[in-house]
Amino acid sequence: MSQSPKSAPTSALNYSSNDASITAPAPVTGTPEPSSDMSDLLALMARLRADCPWDIKQTNHSLIPYAIEEAYELAEAIQEGDIEDIKGELGDVLLQVIFHCQIYAEQHQFDLGDVIYVLQSKLIRRHPHVFEADKLPDEAAVKKRWDEIKAIENAERERRGKPKRSLDAVKAGSALMQAQSLQQAASKLGFDWEGVAGAIEKLEEEIAELKQILPQAGEKVDATQKQELEKELGDCIFGLVNVARKLNLDAEAATLTCVHKFRSRFGFIEAELAKQGKTAEESSLEEMDALWELAKQHE
């Protein structure tokens, strides 16, 4: 693993630079043994990039869906509470970091040392109440100071030519997460209903609009109709997120809880069918519905 110097590395400050001093780790030779050493992991990743056809083909852009998928699988493992699964999924998330760093190092942009340096700089800068004499009394004061420091950082981004818009603070995430964050940001600017009733009324309005364009039984849906259905369905989902927000609920967490519940109940159905020597494909909807109700009782 390359070591970052005590002063901030150029590549850590400007990712668009091409610094010939940034080099990718050397690949491991032979058949490696697993270890807990980060440098061994970097060398293993370099070997995969050198010799594995799939790994060689990947780019930072092609890896984006995998980074998102691994984050969700980690969240699911944490909900399940299986320690071995959690370790595995954390490893998969770490793999994404290592993979991206390897590719950027091959481009002479930056390496893992730069990423670690930038992260530590950010954590130290955003925690003056820990590392300096600026003691803060409670969590609310910490959050306030955190926001003040982020505002300074955002001002620096503007000076570097990054335009600022009112909703720029909304972070990337799933569609549900972004929807709720956008609504919260807009609410702070006064664009909101006073209570949940307005959000529910809007949701009902959107559902009515969706119903108006639903295809009839057996009707073929062309590309234009599909786009319109997608638009109206999106409006319904966005409206439902608004209801969750007005109730101080997290739409993402609520959906993940439902997903977990569905997995568990359907697993129960398959297990019960297996006791009868049957599979889901060999069973009727009525049989599975009855077992679904039984699964709810077992909860």
Protein backbone atom coordinates (compact mmCIF):
# COMPACT_ATOMS: atom_id res chain seq x y z
CA MET A 1 0.00 0.00 0.00
CA SER A 2 1.44 3.38 -0.98
CA GLN A 3 1.82 5.84 1.86
CA SER A 4 0.45 9.38 1.64
CA PRO A 5 2.89 12.12 2.67
CA LYS A 6 2.24 14.26 5.71
CA SER A 7 1.03 17.12 3.52
CA ALA A 8 -2.07 16.62 1.39
CA PRO A 9 -1.23 14.72 -1.81
CA THR A 10 -1.95 16.59 -5.03
CA SER A 11 -4.20 13.80 -6.30
CA ALA A 12 -6.25 13.96 -3.11
CA LEU A 13 -7.04 17.60 -3.81
CA ASN A 14 -7.64 17.43 -7.55
CA TYR A 15 -9.02 14.17 -8.93
CA SER A 16 -8.83 15.44 -12.51
CA SER A 17 -5.04 15.60 -12.38
CA ASN A 18 -2.84 12.89 -13.87
CA ASP A 19 0.09 12.34 -11.52
CA ALA A 20 2.73 9.95 -12.82
CA SER A 21 3.89 9.42 -9.22
CA ILE A 22 0.61 7.62 -8.49
CA THR A 23 1.08 3.97 -9.37
CA ALA A 24 -1.13 0.93 -8.87
CA PRO A 25 -0.03 -1.76 -6.38
CA ALA A 26 2.06 -4.64 -7.70
CA PRO A 27 0.05 -7.86 -8.25
CA VAL A 28 0.56 -10.76 -5.89
CA THR A 29 2.36 -13.73 -7.42
CA GLY A 30 1.53 -17.40 -7.10
CA THR A 31 -1.54 -18.54 -5.16
CA PRO A 32 -2.00 -16.23 -2.17
CA GLU A 33 -3.23 -17.17 1.29
CA PRO A 34 -5.93 -15.00 2.92
CA SER A 35 -4.67 -12.55 5.52
CA SER A 36 -5.91 -9.50 7.42
CA ASP A 37 -3.24 -7.24 5.89
CA MET A 38 -4.57 -4.40 3.71
CA SER A 39 -1.48 -4.45 1.49
CA ASP A 40 -2.18 -8.12 0.71
CA LEU A 41 -5.72 -7.21 -0.33
CA LEU A 42 -4.43 -4.45 -2.62
CA ALA A 43 -1.94 -6.84 -4.22
CA LEU A 44 -4.70 -9.43 -4.70
CA MET A 45 -6.94 -6.84 -6.37
CA ALA A 46 -4.07 -5.86 -8.66
CA ARG A 47 -3.63 -9.53 -9.63
CA LEU A 48 -7.34 -9.85 -10.45
CA ARG A 49 -7.12 -6.75 -12.64
CA ALA A 50 -4.15 -8.29 -14.41
CA ASP A 51 -5.41 -11.84 -14.95
CA CYS A 52 -9.21 -12.08 -14.57
CA PRO A 53 -11.10 -11.34 -17.83
CA TRP A 54 -14.15 -9.95 -15.98
CA ASP A 55 -12.14 -7.75 -13.61
CA ILE A 56 -10.01 -6.43 -16.47
CA LYS A 57 -13.13 -5.35 -18.35
CA GLN A 58 -14.59 -3.27 -15.51
CA THR A 59 -14.53 0.52 -15.31
CA ASN A 60 -15.45 2.92 -12.54
CA HIS A 61 -18.77 3.51 -14.30
CA SER A 62 -19.54 -0.19 -14.84
CA LEU A 63 -18.99 -0.83 -11.12
CA ILE A 64 -21.60 1.72 -9.97
CA PRO A 65 -24.54 -0.76 -9.84
CA TYR A 66 -22.45 -3.20 -7.80
CA ALA A 67 -21.56 -0.55 -5.20
CA ILE A 68 -25.25 0.24 -4.74
CA GLU A 69 -26.23 -3.43 -4.61
CA GLU A 70 -23.56 -4.27 -2.02
CA ALA A 71 -24.67 -1.42 0.24
CA TYR A 72 -28.23 -2.77 0.20
CA GLU A 73 -27.07 -6.32 0.85
CA LEU A 74 -25.11 -5.04 3.86
CA ALA A 75 -28.24 -3.31 5.18
CA GLU A 76 -30.21 -6.54 4.76
CA ALA A 77 -27.53 -8.58 6.56
CA ILE A 78 -27.56 -6.13 9.47
CA GLN A 79 -31.34 -6.46 9.69
CA GLU A 80 -31.00 -10.25 9.69
CA GLY A 81 -28.36 -10.07 12.41
CA ASP A 82 -26.21 -12.95 11.11
CA ILE A 83 -22.66 -11.99 12.10
CA GLU A 84 -20.98 -14.13 9.43
CA ASP A 85 -23.20 -12.62 6.74
CA ILE A 86 -22.46 -9.12 8.05
CA LYS A 87 -18.70 -9.74 7.86
CA GLY A 88 -19.11 -11.04 4.31
CA GLU A 89 -21.21 -8.09 3.18
CA LEU A 90 -18.86 -5.55 4.80
CA GLY A 91 -16.10 -7.25 2.84
CA ASP A 92 -18.09 -6.85 -0.36
CA VAL A 93 -18.54 -3.13 0.35
CA LEU A 94 -14.80 -2.83 1.03
CA LEU A 95 -14.12 -4.63 -2.26
CA GLN A 96 -15.90 -1.83 -4.10
CA VAL A 97 -13.64 0.77 -2.47
CA ILE A 98 -10.52 -1.27 -3.29
CA PHE A 99 -11.68 -1.95 -6.85
CA HIS A 100 -12.33 1.74 -7.58
CA CYS A 101 -9.01 2.79 -6.02
CA GLN A 102 -7.16 0.21 -8.13
CA ILE A 103 -8.67 1.54 -11.36
CA TYR A 104 -8.02 5.18 -10.45
CA ALA A 105 -4.45 4.31 -9.48
CA GLU A 106 -3.99 2.67 -12.88
CA GLN A 107 -5.09 6.01 -14.37
CA HIS A 108 -2.53 7.83 -12.16
CA GLN A 109 -5.37 9.75 -10.48
CA PHE A 110 -5.17 8.68 -6.82
CA ASP A 111 -4.75 5.60 -4.66
CA LEU A 112 -6.17 4.22 -1.42
CA GLY A 113 -3.72 6.27 0.62
CA ASP A 114 -5.21 9.46 -0.84
CA VAL A 115 -8.73 8.31 -0.03
CA ILE A 116 -7.76 7.53 3.57
CA TYR A 117 -6.02 10.92 3.86
CA VAL A 118 -9.06 12.83 2.58
CA LEU A 119 -11.38 10.88 4.88
CA GLN A 120 -9.24 11.55 7.96
CA SER A 121 -8.95 15.23 7.05
CA LYS A 122 -12.72 15.49 6.77
CA LEU A 123 -13.36 13.69 10.08
CA ILE A 124 -10.85 15.85 11.95
CA ARG A 125 -12.17 19.06 10.35
CA ARG A 126 -15.79 18.20 11.18
CA HIS A 127 -15.10 17.28 14.81
CA PRO A 128 -13.50 20.35 16.39
CA HIS A 129 -15.46 19.54 19.58
CA VAL A 130 -13.41 16.33 19.85
CA PHE A 131 -9.93 17.44 18.78
CA GLU A 132 -9.91 21.10 19.83
CA ALA A 133 -11.00 23.15 22.84
CA ASP A 134 -14.39 23.75 21.22
CA LYS A 135 -16.48 21.52 23.52
CA LEU A 136 -20.14 21.09 22.64
CA PRO A 137 -22.77 20.11 25.24
CA ASP A 138 -25.09 17.78 23.33
CA GLU A 139 -25.99 16.06 20.06
CA ALA A 140 -28.01 19.03 18.79
CA ALA A 141 -25.05 21.36 19.20
CA VAL A 142 -22.81 18.85 17.41
CA LYS A 143 -25.28 18.65 14.51
CA LYS A 144 -25.44 22.46 14.31
CA ARG A 145 -21.66 22.76 14.20
CA TRP A 146 -21.46 19.93 11.63
CA ASP A 147 -23.86 21.84 9.37
CA GLU A 148 -21.84 25.04 9.79
CA ILE A 149 -18.64 23.26 8.77
CA LYS A 150 -20.35 21.65 5.78
CA ALA A 151 -21.58 25.11 4.74
CA ILE A 152 -17.96 26.32 4.73
CA GLU A 153 -16.96 23.30 2.64
CA ASN A 154 -19.81 23.96 0.20
CA ALA A 155 -18.69 27.58 -0.13
CA GLU A 156 -15.24 26.30 -1.04
CA ARG A 157 -16.81 24.07 -3.71
CA GLU A 158 -18.56 27.13 -5.14
CA ARG A 159 -15.24 28.96 -5.32
CA ARG A 160 -13.95 26.02 -7.37
CA GLY A 161 -16.77 26.57 -9.86
CA LYS A 162 -19.40 24.15 -8.54
CA PRO A 163 -22.84 25.83 -8.90
CA LYS A 164 -25.10 25.81 -5.84
CA ARG A 165 -28.81 25.05 -6.02
CA SER A 166 -31.34 24.85 -3.19
CA LEU A 167 -31.68 21.05 -3.38
CA ASP A 168 -27.98 20.28 -3.91
CA ALA A 169 -27.71 19.09 -0.29
CA VAL A 170 -29.84 16.05 -1.16
CA LYS A 171 -27.49 13.09 -1.28
CA ALA A 172 -27.51 10.26 -3.78
CA GLY A 173 -29.31 7.14 -2.68
CA SER A 174 -32.26 4.96 -3.58
CA ALA A 175 -35.26 6.59 -5.24
CA LEU A 176 -37.16 6.51 -1.94
CA MET A 177 -34.28 8.09 -0.03
CA GLN A 178 -33.85 10.86 -2.59
CA ALA A 179 -37.59 11.49 -2.77
CA GLN A 180 -37.88 11.94 0.99
CA SER A 181 -34.75 14.09 1.20
CA LEU A 182 -35.96 16.32 -1.65
CA GLN A 183 -39.31 16.75 0.05
CA GLN A 184 -37.63 17.63 3.35
CA ALA A 185 -35.38 20.16 1.65
CA ALA A 186 -38.32 21.74 -0.19
CA SER A 187 -40.28 21.84 3.07
CA LYS A 188 -37.55 23.94 4.70
CA LEU A 189 -38.05 26.43 1.86
CA GLY A 190 -41.79 26.63 2.61
CA PHE A 191 -42.97 24.28 -0.15
CA ASP A 192 -45.09 21.87 1.89
CA TRP A 193 -48.48 21.11 3.42
CA GLU A 194 -49.14 21.97 7.05
CA GLY A 195 -50.24 18.45 8.00
CA VAL A 196 -50.52 14.91 6.71
CA ALA A 197 -54.04 15.48 5.35
CA GLY A 198 -52.74 17.49 2.40
CA ALA A 199 -50.22 14.79 1.55
CA ILE A 200 -52.90 12.09 1.68
CA GLU A 201 -55.23 14.16 -0.49
CA LYS A 202 -52.44 14.57 -3.06
CA LEU A 203 -51.72 10.81 -2.94
CA GLU A 204 -55.39 10.01 -3.59
CA GLU A 205 -55.34 12.46 -6.51
CA GLU A 206 -52.31 10.71 -8.02
CA ILE A 207 -53.86 7.25 -7.56
CA ALA A 208 -57.02 8.44 -9.33
CA GLU A 209 -54.91 9.66 -12.26
CA LEU A 210 -53.15 6.28 -12.44
CA LYS A 211 -56.47 4.44 -12.43
CA GLN A 212 -57.68 6.51 -15.38
CA ILE A 213 -54.92 5.21 -17.65
CA LEU A 214 -54.68 1.60 -16.48
CA PRO A 215 -54.93 -0.82 -19.44
CA GLN A 216 -57.96 -3.04 -19.76
CA ALA A 217 -57.63 -6.81 -19.36
CA GLY A 218 -55.83 -8.21 -22.41
CA GLU A 219 -55.00 -4.76 -23.76
CA LYS A 220 -51.50 -4.42 -25.22
CA VAL A 221 -49.46 -1.50 -23.87
CA ASP A 222 -47.29 0.38 -26.35
CA ALA A 223 -44.12 2.33 -25.50
CA THR A 224 -45.95 5.65 -25.14
CA GLN A 225 -48.54 4.19 -22.77
CA LYS A 226 -45.81 2.50 -20.75
CA GLN A 227 -44.02 5.82 -20.30
CA GLU A 228 -47.24 7.45 -19.12
CA LEU A 229 -47.96 4.60 -16.70
CA GLU A 230 -44.42 4.87 -15.33
CA LYS A 231 -44.84 8.61 -14.83
CA GLU A 232 -48.15 8.28 -13.00
CA LEU A 233 -46.90 5.37 -10.88
CA GLY A 234 -43.86 7.45 -9.95
CA ASP A 235 -46.16 10.26 -8.86
CA CYS A 236 -48.06 7.81 -6.64
CA ILE A 237 -44.88 6.52 -5.02
CA PHE A 238 -43.61 10.06 -4.51
CA GLY A 239 -46.95 10.94 -2.91
CA LEU A 240 -46.75 7.95 -0.57
CA VAL A 241 -43.25 9.01 0.47
CA ASN A 242 -44.72 12.41 1.29
CA VAL A 243 -47.22 10.74 3.62
CA ALA A 244 -44.39 8.85 5.34
CA ARG A 245 -42.44 12.09 5.78
CA LYS A 246 -45.41 13.93 7.26
CA LEU A 247 -45.79 11.06 9.76
CA ASN A 248 -42.07 11.34 10.66
CA LEU A 249 -41.43 7.88 9.21
CA ASP A 250 -38.53 6.83 7.00
CA ALA A 251 -39.96 5.57 3.70
CA GLU A 252 -36.82 3.57 2.91
CA ALA A 253 -36.77 1.86 6.31
CA ALA A 254 -40.50 1.13 6.08
CA THR A 255 -40.07 -0.44 2.64
CA LEU A 256 -37.06 -2.49 3.72
CA THR A 257 -39.06 -3.77 6.71
CA CYS A 258 -41.82 -4.82 4.31
CA VAL A 259 -39.30 -6.51 2.00
CA HIS A 260 -37.81 -8.40 4.94
CA LYS A 261 -41.29 -9.43 6.07
CA PHE A 262 -42.23 -10.64 2.59
CA ARG A 263 -39.03 -12.69 2.29
CA SER A 264 -39.68 -14.26 5.68
CA ARG A 265 -43.32 -15.11 4.96
CA PHE A 266 -42.62 -16.53 1.52
CA GLY A 267 -39.79 -18.58 2.99
CA PHE A 268 -42.30 -19.99 5.46
CA ILE A 269 -44.64 -20.89 2.57
CA GLU A 270 -41.87 -22.76 0.74
CA ALA A 271 -40.79 -24.56 3.91
CA GLU A 272 -44.35 -25.72 4.62
CA LEU A 273 -44.86 -26.82 1.02
CA ALA A 274 -41.58 -28.75 1.17
CA LYS A 275 -42.95 -30.69 4.15
CA GLN A 276 -45.75 -31.78 1.81
CA GLY A 277 -43.27 -32.74 -0.90
CA LYS A 278 -44.32 -29.82 -3.09
CA THR A 279 -42.80 -26.64 -4.53
CA ALA A 280 -44.39 -23.22 -5.05
CA GLU A 281 -44.60 -23.91 -8.79
CA GLU A 282 -46.63 -27.07 -8.09
CA SER A 283 -49.05 -25.33 -5.71
CA SER A 284 -52.16 -23.27 -6.30
CA LEU A 285 -52.57 -19.63 -5.35
CA GLU A 286 -55.22 -20.68 -2.83
CA GLU A 287 -52.78 -23.05 -1.11
CA MET A 288 -50.10 -20.39 -0.91
CA ASP A 289 -52.59 -17.77 0.32
CA ALA A 290 -53.62 -20.08 3.17
CA LEU A 291 -49.98 -20.60 4.15
CA TRP A 292 -49.39 -16.84 3.91
CA GLU A 293 -52.07 -16.28 6.53
CA LEU A 294 -50.49 -19.01 8.67
CA ALA A 295 -47.13 -17.27 8.35
CA LYS A 296 -48.70 -14.05 9.64
CA GLN A 297 -50.02 -15.92 12.66
CA HIS A 298 -46.58 -17.36 13.39
CA GLU A 299 -45.14 -13.85 13.50
